[in-house]
């Protein structure tokens, strides 16, 4: 079935106790998620065994660490993270961070934490 998708009708989940995600497209070979990270919010450093990810900032600023290098993404900027590459996203700004993450294949269940 073809339908228009938005935050209002997408499957919602919470992560990191204060962050939100909305599955805009959820299939085994591809997922598109819109996420919201409040100031100070972050994820744990990790990598994905199979998933290649692309992060694209809609609003706010994202600091993403990839293999020990930090990148600051502003609105309308994106970055690619190949499989098996350790990374971590943080919101070090003063406003909510809103971004899209595209994963192929789907990244849920494919995450390995890095100490």
Protein backbone atom coordinates (compact mmCIF):
# COMPACT_ATOMS: atom_id res chain seq x y z
CA UNK A 1 0.00 0.00 0.00
CA UNK A 2 1.31 3.44 -0.91
CA UNK A 3 0.73 6.23 1.62
CA UNK A 4 2.12 9.55 2.70
CA UNK A 5 4.28 9.25 5.82
CA UNK A 6 5.12 11.86 8.46
CA UNK A 7 5.96 12.09 12.17
CA UNK A 8 2.23 12.09 12.89
CA UNK A 9 1.61 8.61 11.46
CA UNK A 10 5.08 6.97 11.58
CA UNK A 11 6.09 4.33 14.11
CA UNK A 12 7.74 6.19 17.01
CA UNK A 13 10.38 4.99 19.46
CA UNK A 14 12.52 6.56 22.18
CA UNK A 15 16.24 5.97 22.61
CA UNK A 16 18.83 7.22 25.08
CA UNK A 17 15.93 8.16 27.41
CA UNK A 18 15.55 11.63 25.84
CA UNK A 19 15.79 11.11 22.06
CA UNK A 20 13.03 10.32 19.56
CA UNK A 21 12.94 8.36 16.33
CA UNK A 22 10.25 7.93 13.69
CA UNK A 23 10.44 5.09 11.14
CA UNK A 24 9.57 6.81 7.86
CA UNK A 25 10.49 3.66 5.91
CA UNK A 26 11.15 0.34 7.59
CA UNK A 27 12.11 -2.65 5.48
CA UNK A 28 14.83 -5.26 5.72
CA UNK A 29 16.98 -3.82 2.95
CA UNK A 30 16.43 -0.10 3.62
CA UNK A 31 15.32 2.14 6.48
CA UNK A 32 14.75 5.87 6.70
CA UNK A 33 14.41 7.34 10.18
CA UNK A 34 13.88 10.91 11.34
CA UNK A 35 15.40 11.51 14.75
CA UNK A 36 15.36 14.27 17.36
CA UNK A 37 18.20 14.73 19.84
CA UNK A 38 17.90 17.46 22.50
CA UNK A 39 20.92 19.54 23.55
CA UNK A 40 23.41 17.31 25.37
CA UNK A 41 21.92 14.12 23.91
CA UNK A 42 24.17 11.50 22.35
CA UNK A 43 24.46 7.90 21.32
CA UNK A 44 27.04 5.33 22.40
CA UNK A 45 30.02 4.73 20.12
CA UNK A 46 29.21 1.74 17.92
CA UNK A 47 29.44 0.27 14.43
CA UNK A 48 27.19 -1.83 12.23
CA UNK A 49 28.25 -5.19 10.81
CA UNK A 50 26.32 -4.78 7.51
CA UNK A 51 24.59 -1.40 7.45
CA UNK A 52 25.90 1.53 5.46
CA UNK A 53 24.40 4.74 6.92
CA UNK A 54 23.90 8.28 5.69
CA UNK A 55 23.12 11.07 8.18
CA UNK A 56 21.50 14.30 6.90
CA UNK A 57 20.83 17.26 9.23
CA UNK A 58 17.50 19.06 8.93
CA UNK A 59 17.81 21.49 11.89
CA UNK A 60 20.36 22.15 14.62
CA UNK A 61 23.93 20.87 14.48
CA UNK A 62 25.29 17.34 14.80
CA UNK A 63 28.75 16.44 15.97
CA UNK A 64 29.57 13.02 14.59
CA UNK A 65 32.71 11.15 15.50
CA UNK A 66 33.87 8.68 12.86
CA UNK A 67 36.97 6.58 13.53
CA UNK A 68 38.21 9.16 16.06
CA UNK A 69 37.67 12.22 13.81
CA UNK A 70 34.94 14.76 14.68
CA UNK A 71 32.77 16.38 12.00
CA UNK A 72 30.29 19.21 12.58
CA UNK A 73 27.21 18.91 10.39
CA UNK A 74 24.97 21.93 9.93
CA UNK A 75 21.50 22.01 8.32
CA UNK A 76 21.42 20.64 4.79
CA UNK A 77 24.72 18.76 5.26
CA UNK A 78 25.23 15.02 5.41
CA UNK A 79 27.88 12.36 5.91
CA UNK A 80 28.23 8.68 5.02
CA UNK A 81 29.36 5.96 7.45
CA UNK A 82 30.32 2.60 5.88
CA UNK A 83 29.77 -0.73 7.64
CA UNK A 84 32.20 -1.73 10.40
CA UNK A 85 33.30 1.88 10.98
CA UNK A 86 32.95 3.05 14.63
CA UNK A 87 30.89 6.23 15.01
CA UNK A 88 28.93 8.30 17.52
CA UNK A 89 26.49 11.19 17.08
CA UNK A 90 26.07 13.99 19.66
CA UNK A 91 24.15 17.24 19.97
CA UNK A 92 26.57 19.71 21.52
CA UNK A 93 24.47 22.69 20.41
CA UNK A 94 21.81 24.75 22.17
CA UNK A 95 18.79 23.65 20.15
CA UNK A 96 17.19 20.36 19.22
CA UNK A 97 18.95 18.41 16.49
CA UNK A 98 16.67 16.97 13.81
CA UNK A 99 18.15 14.65 11.19
CA UNK A 100 17.41 11.82 8.80
CA UNK A 101 19.42 8.60 8.89
CA UNK A 102 19.21 6.24 5.92
CA UNK A 103 20.49 2.69 6.48
CA UNK A 104 20.97 -0.06 3.92
CA UNK A 105 20.26 -2.72 5.01
CA UNK A 106 18.25 -1.78 8.12
CA UNK A 107 20.56 -1.05 11.06
CA UNK A 108 18.33 -2.27 13.92
CA UNK A 109 19.75 -5.53 15.26
CA UNK A 110 23.06 -4.86 13.49
CA UNK A 111 24.70 -2.65 16.13
CA UNK A 112 27.94 -3.53 17.96
CA UNK A 113 28.96 -1.32 20.90
CA UNK A 114 32.56 -0.11 21.06
CA UNK A 115 34.19 0.44 24.45
